[in-house]
Amino acid sequence: MLHVERGGSGPLLVLLHGLGATGEVW
């Protein structure tokens, strides 16, 4: 299972963190 955070509306931006990190870095 993948933990995903989403927000906003309109054109989609996907942000991918580096090795050892988590999505919170964005």
mmCIF file of all heavy atoms, coordinates in Angstrom:
data_MODEL
# 
_entry.id   MODEL 
# 
loop_
_atom_site.group_PDB 
_atom_site.id 
_atom_site.type_symbol 
_atom_site.label_atom_id 
_atom_site.label_alt_id 
_atom_site.label_comp_id 
_atom_site.label_asym_id 
_atom_site.label_entity_id 
_atom_site.label_seq_id 
_atom_site.pdbx_PDB_ins_code 
_atom_site.Cartn_x 
_atom_site.Cartn_y 
_atom_site.Cartn_z 
_atom_site.occupancy 
_atom_site.B_iso_or_equiv 
_atom_site.pdbx_formal_charge 
_atom_site.auth_seq_id 
_atom_site.auth_comp_id 
_atom_site.auth_asym_id 
_atom_site.auth_atom_id 
_atom_site.pdbx_PDB_model_num 
ATOM 1   N N   . MET A 1 1  ? 0.841  -1.198 0.000   1.00 0.00 ? 1  MET A N   1 
ATOM 2   C CA  . MET A 1 1  ? 0.000  0.000  0.000   1.00 0.00 ? 1  MET A CA  1 
ATOM 3   C C   . MET A 1 1  ? 0.877  1.251  0.000   1.00 0.00 ? 1  MET A C   1 
ATOM 4   O O   . MET A 1 1  ? 1.869  1.321  0.712   1.00 0.00 ? 1  MET A O   1 
ATOM 5   C CB  . MET A 1 1  ? -0.913 0.003  1.234   1.00 0.00 ? 1  MET A CB  1 
ATOM 6   C CG  . MET A 1 1  ? -1.839 1.188  1.311   1.00 0.00 ? 1  MET A CG  1 
ATOM 7   S SD  . MET A 1 1  ? -2.951 1.083  2.736   1.00 0.00 ? 1  MET A SD  1 
ATOM 8   C CE  . MET A 1 1  ? -3.797 2.644  2.577   1.00 0.00 ? 1  MET A CE  1 
ATOM 9   N N   . LEU A 1 2  ? 0.495  2.201  -0.836  1.00 0.00 ? 2  LEU A N   1 
ATOM 10  C CA  . LEU A 1 2  ? 1.268  3.429  -0.973  1.00 0.00 ? 2  LEU A CA  1 
ATOM 11  C C   . LEU A 1 2  ? 0.565  4.556  -0.231  1.00 0.00 ? 2  LEU A C   1 
ATOM 12  O O   . LEU A 1 2  ? -0.621 4.795  -0.418  1.00 0.00 ? 2  LEU A O   1 
ATOM 13  C CB  . LEU A 1 2  ? 1.405  3.784  -2.452  1.00 0.00 ? 2  LEU A CB  1 
ATOM 14  C CG  . LEU A 1 2  ? 2.560  4.694  -2.856  1.00 0.00 ? 2  LEU A CG  1 
ATOM 15  C CD1 . LEU A 1 2  ? 3.887  3.973  -2.677  1.00 0.00 ? 2  LEU A CD1 1 
ATOM 16  C CD2 . LEU A 1 2  ? 2.402  5.138  -4.312  1.00 0.00 ? 2  LEU A CD2 1 
ATOM 17  N N   . HIS A 1 3  ? 1.323  5.248  0.622   1.00 0.00 ? 3  HIS A N   1 
ATOM 18  C CA  . HIS A 1 3  ? 0.773  6.422  1.303   1.00 0.00 ? 3  HIS A CA  1 
ATOM 19  C C   . HIS A 1 3  ? 0.896  7.613  0.367   1.00 0.00 ? 3  HIS A C   1 
ATOM 20  O O   . HIS A 1 3  ? 1.985  7.926  -0.125  1.00 0.00 ? 3  HIS A O   1 
ATOM 21  C CB  . HIS A 1 3  ? 1.524  6.700  2.608   1.00 0.00 ? 3  HIS A CB  1 
ATOM 22  C CG  . HIS A 1 3  ? 1.043  7.940  3.304   1.00 0.00 ? 3  HIS A CG  1 
ATOM 23  N ND1 . HIS A 1 3  ? 0.013  7.928  4.212   1.00 0.00 ? 3  HIS A ND1 1 
ATOM 24  C CD2 . HIS A 1 3  ? 1.436  9.236  3.202   1.00 0.00 ? 3  HIS A CD2 1 
ATOM 25  C CE1 . HIS A 1 3  ? -0.208 9.147  4.648   1.00 0.00 ? 3  HIS A CE1 1 
ATOM 26  N NE2 . HIS A 1 3  ? 0.646  9.965  4.049   1.00 0.00 ? 3  HIS A NE2 1 
ATOM 27  N N   . VAL A 1 4  ? -0.232 8.296  0.114   1.00 0.00 ? 4  VAL A N   1 
ATOM 28  C CA  . VAL A 1 4  ? -0.257 9.414  -0.833  1.00 0.00 ? 4  VAL A CA  1 
ATOM 29  C C   . VAL A 1 4  ? -0.987 10.599 -0.218  1.00 0.00 ? 4  VAL A C   1 
ATOM 30  O O   . VAL A 1 4  ? -2.041 10.438 0.394   1.00 0.00 ? 4  VAL A O   1 
ATOM 31  C CB  . VAL A 1 4  ? -0.956 9.007  -2.148  1.00 0.00 ? 4  VAL A CB  1 
ATOM 32  C CG1 . VAL A 1 4  ? -1.007 10.190 -3.110  1.00 0.00 ? 4  VAL A CG1 1 
ATOM 33  C CG2 . VAL A 1 4  ? -0.247 7.837  -2.801  1.00 0.00 ? 4  VAL A CG2 1 
ATOM 34  N N   . GLU A 1 5  ? -0.412 11.782 -0.371  1.00 0.00 ? 5  GLU A N   1 
ATOM 35  C CA  . GLU A 1 5  ? -1.079 13.030 0.003   1.00 0.00 ? 5  GLU A CA  1 
ATOM 36  C C   . GLU A 1 5  ? -1.505 13.738 -1.281  1.00 0.00 ? 5  GLU A C   1 
ATOM 37  O O   . GLU A 1 5  ? -0.771 13.733 -2.281  1.00 0.00 ? 5  GLU A O   1 
ATOM 38  C CB  . GLU A 1 5  ? -0.130 13.936 0.789   1.00 0.00 ? 5  GLU A CB  1 
ATOM 39  C CG  . GLU A 1 5  ? 0.479  13.307 2.034   1.00 0.00 ? 5  GLU A CG  1 
ATOM 40  C CD  . GLU A 1 5  ? -0.443 13.389 3.245   1.00 0.00 ? 5  GLU A CD  1 
ATOM 41  O OE1 . GLU A 1 5  ? -1.436 14.130 3.171   1.00 0.00 ? 5  GLU A OE1 1 
ATOM 42  O OE2 . GLU A 1 5  ? -0.154 12.704 4.239   1.00 0.00 ? 5  GLU A OE2 1 
ATOM 43  N N   . ARG A 1 6  ? -2.700 14.340 -1.267  1.00 0.00 ? 6  ARG A N   1 
ATOM 44  C CA  . ARG A 1 6  ? -3.223 15.034 -2.439  1.00 0.00 ? 6  ARG A CA  1 
ATOM 45  C C   . ARG A 1 6  ? -3.791 16.388 -2.033  1.00 0.00 ? 6  ARG A C   1 
ATOM 46  O O   . ARG A 1 6  ? -4.208 16.568 -0.895  1.00 0.00 ? 6  ARG A O   1 
ATOM 47  C CB  . ARG A 1 6  ? -4.331 14.222 -3.110  1.00 0.00 ? 6  ARG A CB  1 
ATOM 48  C CG  . ARG A 1 6  ? -3.895 12.906 -3.717  1.00 0.00 ? 6  ARG A CG  1 
ATOM 49  C CD  . ARG A 1 6  ? -5.095 12.193 -4.308  1.00 0.00 ? 6  ARG A CD  1 
ATOM 50  N NE  . ARG A 1 6  ? -4.735 11.017 -5.088  1.00 0.00 ? 6  ARG A NE  1 
ATOM 51  C CZ  . ARG A 1 6  ? -4.592 9.807  -4.572  1.00 0.00 ? 6  ARG A CZ  1 
ATOM 52  N NH1 . ARG A 1 6  ? -4.780 9.602  -3.281  1.00 0.00 ? 6  ARG A NH1 1 
ATOM 53  N NH2 . ARG A 1 6  ? -4.282 8.791  -5.352  1.00 0.00 ? 6  ARG A NH2 1 
ATOM 54  N N   . GLY A 1 7  ? -3.858 17.298 -3.000  1.00 0.00 ? 7  GLY A N   1 
ATOM 55  C CA  . GLY A 1 7  ? -4.469 18.597 -2.718  1.00 0.00 ? 7  GLY A CA  1 
ATOM 56  C C   . GLY A 1 7  ? -4.609 19.417 -3.985  1.00 0.00 ? 7  GLY A C   1 
ATOM 57  O O   . GLY A 1 7  ? -4.118 19.038 -5.054  1.00 0.00 ? 7  GLY A O   1 
ATOM 58  N N   . GLY A 1 8  ? -5.284 20.554 -3.864  1.00 0.00 ? 8  GLY A N   1 
ATOM 59  C CA  . GLY A 1 8  ? -5.430 21.490 -4.971  1.00 0.00 ? 8  GLY A CA  1 
ATOM 60  C C   . GLY A 1 8  ? -6.390 21.026 -6.047  1.00 0.00 ? 8  GLY A C   1 
ATOM 61  O O   . GLY A 1 8  ? -6.998 19.958 -5.959  1.00 0.00 ? 8  GLY A O   1 
ATOM 62  N N   . SER A 1 9  ? -6.498 21.835 -7.085  1.00 0.00 ? 9  SER A N   1 
ATOM 63  C CA  . SER A 1 9  ? -7.332 21.504 -8.230  1.00 0.00 ? 9  SER A CA  1 
ATOM 64  C C   . SER A 1 9  ? -6.704 22.100 -9.483  1.00 0.00 ? 9  SER A C   1 
ATOM 65  O O   . SER A 1 9  ? -6.037 23.131 -9.421  1.00 0.00 ? 9  SER A O   1 
ATOM 66  C CB  . SER A 1 9  ? -8.753 22.047 -8.048  1.00 0.00 ? 9  SER A CB  1 
ATOM 67  O OG  . SER A 1 9  ? -8.740 23.457 -7.941  1.00 0.00 ? 9  SER A OG  1 
ATOM 68  N N   . GLY A 1 10 ? -6.888 21.424 -10.593 1.00 0.00 ? 10 GLY A N   1 
ATOM 69  C CA  . GLY A 1 10 ? -6.296 21.887 -11.837 1.00 0.00 ? 10 GLY A CA  1 
ATOM 70  C C   . GLY A 1 10 ? -5.212 20.948 -12.327 1.00 0.00 ? 10 GLY A C   1 
ATOM 71  O O   . GLY A 1 10 ? -5.154 19.781 -11.914 1.00 0.00 ? 10 GLY A O   1 
ATOM 72  N N   . PRO A 1 11 ? -4.324 21.416 -13.208 1.00 0.00 ? 11 PRO A N   1 
ATOM 73  C CA  . PRO A 1 11 ? -3.257 20.570 -13.758 1.00 0.00 ? 11 PRO A CA  1 
ATOM 74  C C   . PRO A 1 11 ? -2.450 19.894 -12.649 1.00 0.00 ? 11 PRO A C   1 
ATOM 75  O O   . PRO A 1 11 ? -2.131 20.518 -11.638 1.00 0.00 ? 11 PRO A O   1 
ATOM 76  C CB  . PRO A 1 11 ? -2.400 21.562 -14.551 1.00 0.00 ? 11 PRO A CB  1 
ATOM 77  C CG  . PRO A 1 11 ? -3.331 22.674 -14.902 1.00 0.00 ? 11 PRO A CG  1 
ATOM 78  C CD  . PRO A 1 11 ? -4.278 22.785 -13.746 1.00 0.00 ? 11 PRO A CD  1 
ATOM 79  N N   . LEU A 1 12 ? -2.124 18.616 -12.862 1.00 0.00 ? 12 LEU A N   1 
ATOM 80  C CA  . LEU A 1 12 ? -1.543 17.801 -11.799 1.00 0.00 ? 12 LEU A CA  1 
ATOM 81  C C   . LEU A 1 12 ? -0.017 17.818 -11.805 1.00 0.00 ? 12 LEU A C   1 
ATOM 82  O O   . LEU A 1 12 ? 0.621  17.620 -12.839 1.00 0.00 ? 12 LEU A O   1 
ATOM 83  C CB  . LEU A 1 12 ? -2.033 16.361 -11.936 1.00 0.00 ? 12 LEU A CB  1 
ATOM 84  C CG  . LEU A 1 12 ? -1.523 15.349 -10.913 1.00 0.00 ? 12 LEU A CG  1 
ATOM 85  C CD1 . LEU A 1 12 ? -1.922 15.747 -9.492  1.00 0.00 ? 12 LEU A CD1 1 
ATOM 86  C CD2 . LEU A 1 12 ? -2.039 13.951 -11.241 1.00 0.00 ? 12 LEU A CD2 1 
ATOM 87  N N   . LEU A 1 13 ? 0.549  18.029 -10.617 1.00 0.00 ? 13 LEU A N   1 
ATOM 88  C CA  . LEU A 1 13 ? 1.985  17.936 -10.369 1.00 0.00 ? 13 LEU A CA  1 
ATOM 89  C C   . LEU A 1 13 ? 2.235  16.756 -9.439  1.00 0.00 ? 13 LEU A C   1 
ATOM 90  O O   . LEU A 1 13 ? 1.617  16.653 -8.369  1.00 0.00 ? 13 LEU A O   1 
ATOM 91  C CB  . LEU A 1 13 ? 2.498  19.218 -9.713  1.00 0.00 ? 13 LEU A CB  1 
ATOM 92  C CG  . LEU A 1 13 ? 3.950  19.218 -9.212  1.00 0.00 ? 13 LEU A CG  1 
ATOM 93  C CD1 . LEU A 1 13 ? 4.926  19.162 -10.386 1.00 0.00 ? 13 LEU A CD1 1 
ATOM 94  C CD2 . LEU A 1 13 ? 4.230  20.447 -8.347  1.00 0.00 ? 13 LEU A CD2 1 
ATOM 95  N N   . VAL A 1 14 ? 3.127  15.860 -9.833  1.00 0.00 ? 14 VAL A N   1 
ATOM 96  C CA  . VAL A 1 14 ? 3.533  14.735 -8.992  1.00 0.00 ? 14 VAL A CA  1 
ATOM 97  C C   . VAL A 1 14 ? 4.943  15.011 -8.480  1.00 0.00 ? 14 VAL A C   1 
ATOM 98  O O   . VAL A 1 14 ? 5.854  15.287 -9.266  1.00 0.00 ? 14 VAL A O   1 
ATOM 99  C CB  . VAL A 1 14 ? 3.499  13.403 -9.773  1.00 0.00 ? 14 VAL A CB  1 
ATOM 100 C CG1 . VAL A 1 14 ? 4.014  12.258 -8.912  1.00 0.00 ? 14 VAL A CG1 1 
ATOM 101 C CG2 . VAL A 1 14 ? 2.088  13.109 -10.271 1.00 0.00 ? 14 VAL A CG2 1 
ATOM 102 N N   . LEU A 1 15 ? 5.121  14.938 -7.157  1.00 0.00 ? 15 LEU A N   1 
ATOM 103 C CA  . LEU A 1 15 ? 6.411  15.219 -6.526  1.00 0.00 ? 15 LEU A CA  1 
ATOM 104 C C   . LEU A 1 15 ? 6.949  13.935 -5.891  1.00 0.00 ? 15 LEU A C   1 
ATOM 105 O O   . LEU A 1 15 ? 6.270  13.308 -5.067  1.00 0.00 ? 15 LEU A O   1 
ATOM 106 C CB  . LEU A 1 15 ? 6.252  16.300 -5.463  1.00 0.00 ? 15 LEU A CB  1 
ATOM 107 C CG  . LEU A 1 15 ? 5.888  17.701 -5.990  1.00 0.00 ? 15 LEU A CG  1 
ATOM 108 C CD1 . LEU A 1 15 ? 5.397  18.588 -4.852  1.00 0.00 ? 15 LEU A CD1 1 
ATOM 109 C CD2 . LEU A 1 15 ? 7.087  18.340 -6.679  1.00 0.00 ? 15 LEU A CD2 1 
ATOM 110 N N   . LEU A 1 16 ? 8.167  13.539 -6.261  1.00 0.00 ? 16 LEU A N   1 
ATOM 111 C CA  . LEU A 1 16 ? 8.757  12.276 -5.813  1.00 0.00 ? 16 LEU A CA  1 
ATOM 112 C C   . LEU A 1 16 ? 10.053 12.543 -5.050  1.00 0.00 ? 16 LEU A C   1 
ATOM 113 O O   . LEU A 1 16 ? 10.987 13.137 -5.580  1.00 0.00 ? 16 LEU A O   1 
ATOM 114 C CB  . LEU A 1 16 ? 9.031  11.375 -7.019  1.00 0.00 ? 16 LEU A CB  1 
ATOM 115 C CG  . LEU A 1 16 ? 7.821  11.069 -7.924  1.00 0.00 ? 16 LEU A CG  1 
ATOM 116 C CD1 . LEU A 1 16 ? 8.262  10.285 -9.151  1.00 0.00 ? 16 LEU A CD1 1 
ATOM 117 C CD2 . LEU A 1 16 ? 6.759  10.307 -7.150  1.00 0.00 ? 16 LEU A CD2 1 
ATOM 118 N N   . HIS A 1 17 ? 10.107 12.094 -3.808  1.00 0.00 ? 17 HIS A N   1 
ATOM 119 C CA  . HIS A 1 17 ? 11.265 12.341 -2.939  1.00 0.00 ? 17 HIS A CA  1 
ATOM 120 C C   . HIS A 1 17 ? 12.426 11.395 -3.249  1.00 0.00 ? 17 HIS A C   1 
ATOM 121 O O   . HIS A 1 17 ? 12.299 10.444 -4.027  1.00 0.00 ? 17 HIS A O   1 
ATOM 122 C CB  . HIS A 1 17 ? 10.851 12.205 -1.472  1.00 0.00 ? 17 HIS A CB  1 
ATOM 123 C CG  . HIS A 1 17 ? 10.409 10.816 -1.093  1.00 0.00 ? 17 HIS A CG  1 
ATOM 124 N ND1 . HIS A 1 17 ? 11.297 9.779  -0.885  1.00 0.00 ? 17 HIS A ND1 1 
ATOM 125 C CD2 . HIS A 1 17 ? 9.164  10.295 -0.883  1.00 0.00 ? 17 HIS A CD2 1 
ATOM 126 C CE1 . HIS A 1 17 ? 10.635 8.687  -0.561  1.00 0.00 ? 17 HIS A CE1 1 
ATOM 127 N NE2 . HIS A 1 17 ? 9.334  8.961  -0.556  1.00 0.00 ? 17 HIS A NE2 1 
ATOM 128 N N   . GLY A 1 18 ? 13.545 11.651 -2.597  1.00 0.00 ? 18 GLY A N   1 
ATOM 129 C CA  . GLY A 1 18 ? 14.743 10.860 -2.795  1.00 0.00 ? 18 GLY A CA  1 
ATOM 130 C C   . GLY A 1 18 ? 14.851 9.687  -1.841  1.00 0.00 ? 18 GLY A C   1 
ATOM 131 O O   . GLY A 1 18 ? 14.023 9.485  -0.944  1.00 0.00 ? 18 GLY A O   1 
ATOM 132 N N   . LEU A 1 19 ? 15.914 8.894  -2.020  1.00 0.00 ? 19 LEU A N   1 
ATOM 133 C CA  . LEU A 1 19 ? 16.152 7.707  -1.207  1.00 0.00 ? 19 LEU A CA  1 
ATOM 134 C C   . LEU A 1 19 ? 16.280 8.079  0.265   1.00 0.00 ? 19 LEU A C   1 
ATOM 135 O O   . LEU A 1 19 ? 17.044 8.978  0.633   1.00 0.00 ? 19 LEU A O   1 
ATOM 136 C CB  . LEU A 1 19 ? 17.428 7.009  -1.678  1.00 0.00 ? 19 LEU A CB  1 
ATOM 137 C CG  . LEU A 1 19 ? 17.829 5.724  -0.933  1.00 0.00 ? 19 LEU A CG  1 
ATOM 138 C CD1 . LEU A 1 19 ? 16.760 4.654  -1.097  1.00 0.00 ? 19 LEU A CD1 1 
ATOM 139 C CD2 . LEU A 1 19 ? 19.175 5.216  -1.434  1.00 0.00 ? 19 LEU A CD2 1 
ATOM 140 N N   . GLY A 1 20 ? 15.520 7.394  1.103   1.00 0.00 ? 20 GLY A N   1 
ATOM 141 C CA  . GLY A 1 20 ? 15.579 7.608  2.545   1.00 0.00 ? 20 GLY A CA  1 
ATOM 142 C C   . GLY A 1 20 ? 14.630 8.663  3.057   1.00 0.00 ? 20 GLY A C   1 
ATOM 143 O O   . GLY A 1 20 ? 14.385 8.736  4.265   1.00 0.00 ? 20 GLY A O   1 
ATOM 144 N N   . ALA A 1 21 ? 14.084 9.493  2.183   1.00 0.00 ? 21 ALA A N   1 
ATOM 145 C CA  . ALA A 1 21 ? 13.208 10.587 2.612   1.00 0.00 ? 21 ALA A CA  1 
ATOM 146 C C   . ALA A 1 21 ? 11.744 10.136 2.606   1.00 0.00 ? 21 ALA A C   1 
ATOM 147 O O   . ALA A 1 21 ? 11.432 8.945  2.463   1.00 0.00 ? 21 ALA A O   1 
ATOM 148 C CB  . ALA A 1 21 ? 13.407 11.809 1.724   1.00 0.00 ? 21 ALA A CB  1 
ATOM 149 N N   . THR A 1 22 ? 10.839 11.079 2.756   1.00 0.00 ? 22 THR A N   1 
ATOM 150 C CA  . THR A 1 22 ? 9.397  10.843 2.649   1.00 0.00 ? 22 THR A CA  1 
ATOM 151 C C   . THR A 1 22 ? 8.781  12.027 1.915   1.00 0.00 ? 22 THR A C   1 
ATOM 152 O O   . THR A 1 22 ? 9.446  13.045 1.685   1.00 0.00 ? 22 THR A O   1 
ATOM 153 C CB  . THR A 1 22 ? 8.733  10.715 4.035   1.00 0.00 ? 22 THR A CB  1 
ATOM 154 O OG1 . THR A 1 22 ? 8.754  11.999 4.686   1.00 0.00 ? 22 THR A OG1 1 
ATOM 155 C CG2 . THR A 1 22 ? 9.437  9.691  4.915   1.00 0.00 ? 22 THR A CG2 1 
ATOM 156 N N   . GLY A 1 23 ? 7.503  11.919 1.601   1.00 0.00 ? 23 GLY A N   1 
ATOM 157 C CA  . GLY A 1 23 ? 6.825  12.987 0.885   1.00 0.00 ? 23 GLY A CA  1 
ATOM 158 C C   . GLY A 1 23 ? 6.806  14.311 1.624   1.00 0.00 ? 23 GLY A C   1 
ATOM 159 O O   . GLY A 1 23 ? 6.609  15.368 1.010   1.00 0.00 ? 23 GLY A O   1 
ATOM 160 N N   . GLU A 1 24 ? 7.032  14.277 2.930   1.00 0.00 ? 24 GLU A N   1 
ATOM 161 C CA  . GLU A 1 24 ? 6.976  15.514 3.723   1.00 0.00 ? 24 GLU A CA  1 
ATOM 162 C C   . GLU A 1 24 ? 8.021  16.544 3.297   1.00 0.00 ? 24 GLU A C   1 
ATOM 163 O O   . GLU A 1 24 ? 7.884  17.731 3.603   1.00 0.00 ? 24 GLU A O   1 
ATOM 164 C CB  . GLU A 1 24 ? 7.145  15.204 5.210   1.00 0.00 ? 24 GLU A CB  1 
ATOM 165 C CG  . GLU A 1 24 ? 8.525  14.701 5.597   1.00 0.00 ? 24 GLU A CG  1 
ATOM 166 C CD  . GLU A 1 24 ? 8.590  14.193 7.029   1.00 0.00 ? 24 GLU A CD  1 
ATOM 167 O OE1 . GLU A 1 24 ? 8.726  15.020 7.943   1.00 0.00 ? 24 GLU A OE1 1 
ATOM 168 O OE2 . GLU A 1 24 ? 8.508  12.969 7.230   1.00 0.00 ? 24 GLU A OE2 1 
ATOM 169 N N   . VAL A 1 25 ? 9.072  16.106 2.593   1.00 0.00 ? 25 VAL A N   1 
ATOM 170 C CA  . VAL A 1 25 ? 10.131 17.047 2.200   1.00 0.00 ? 25 VAL A CA  1 
ATOM 171 C C   . VAL A 1 25 ? 9.634  18.089 1.196   1.00 0.00 ? 25 VAL A C   1 
ATOM 172 O O   . VAL A 1 25 ? 10.299 19.098 0.966   1.00 0.00 ? 25 VAL A O   1 
ATOM 173 C CB  . VAL A 1 25 ? 11.363 16.316 1.617   1.00 0.00 ? 25 VAL A CB  1 
ATOM 174 C CG1 . VAL A 1 25 ? 11.981 15.387 2.655   1.00 0.00 ? 25 VAL A CG1 1 
ATOM 175 C CG2 . VAL A 1 25 ? 11.013 15.543 0.351   1.00 0.00 ? 25 VAL A CG2 1 
ATOM 176 N N   . TRP A 1 26 ? 8.455  17.852 0.602   1.00 0.00 ? 26 TRP A N   1 
ATOM 177 C CA  . TRP A 1 26 ? 7.904  18.780 -0.382  1.00 0.00 ? 26 TRP A CA  1 
ATOM 178 C C   . TRP A 1 26 ? 6.921  19.765 0.239   1.00 0.00 ? 26 TRP A C   1 
ATOM 179 O O   . TRP A 1 26 ? 6.258  20.530 -0.491  1.00 0.00 ? 26 TRP A O   1 
ATOM 180 C CB  . TRP A 1 26 ? 7.201  18.010 -1.500  1.00 0.00 ? 26 TRP A CB  1 
ATOM 181 C CG  . TRP A 1 26 ? 8.085  17.094 -2.266  1.00 0.00 ? 26 TRP A CG  1 
ATOM 182 C CD1 . TRP A 1 26 ? 8.103  15.720 -2.191  1.00 0.00 ? 26 TRP A CD1 1 
ATOM 183 C CD2 . TRP A 1 26 ? 9.077  17.449 -3.246  1.00 0.00 ? 26 TRP A CD2 1 
ATOM 184 N NE1 . TRP A 1 26 ? 9.044  15.208 -3.060  1.00 0.00 ? 26 TRP A NE1 1 
ATOM 185 C CE2 . TRP A 1 26 ? 9.651  16.245 -3.717  1.00 0.00 ? 26 TRP A CE2 1 
ATOM 186 C CE3 . TRP A 1 26 ? 9.509  18.669 -3.767  1.00 0.00 ? 26 TRP A CE3 1 
ATOM 187 C CZ2 . TRP A 1 26 ? 10.648 16.238 -4.696  1.00 0.00 ? 26 TRP A CZ2 1 
ATOM 188 C CZ3 . TRP A 1 26 ? 10.516 18.655 -4.722  1.00 0.00 ? 26 TRP A CZ3 1 
ATOM 189 C CH2 . TRP A 1 26 ? 11.078 17.446 -5.180  1.00 0.00 ? 26 TRP A CH2 1 
# 
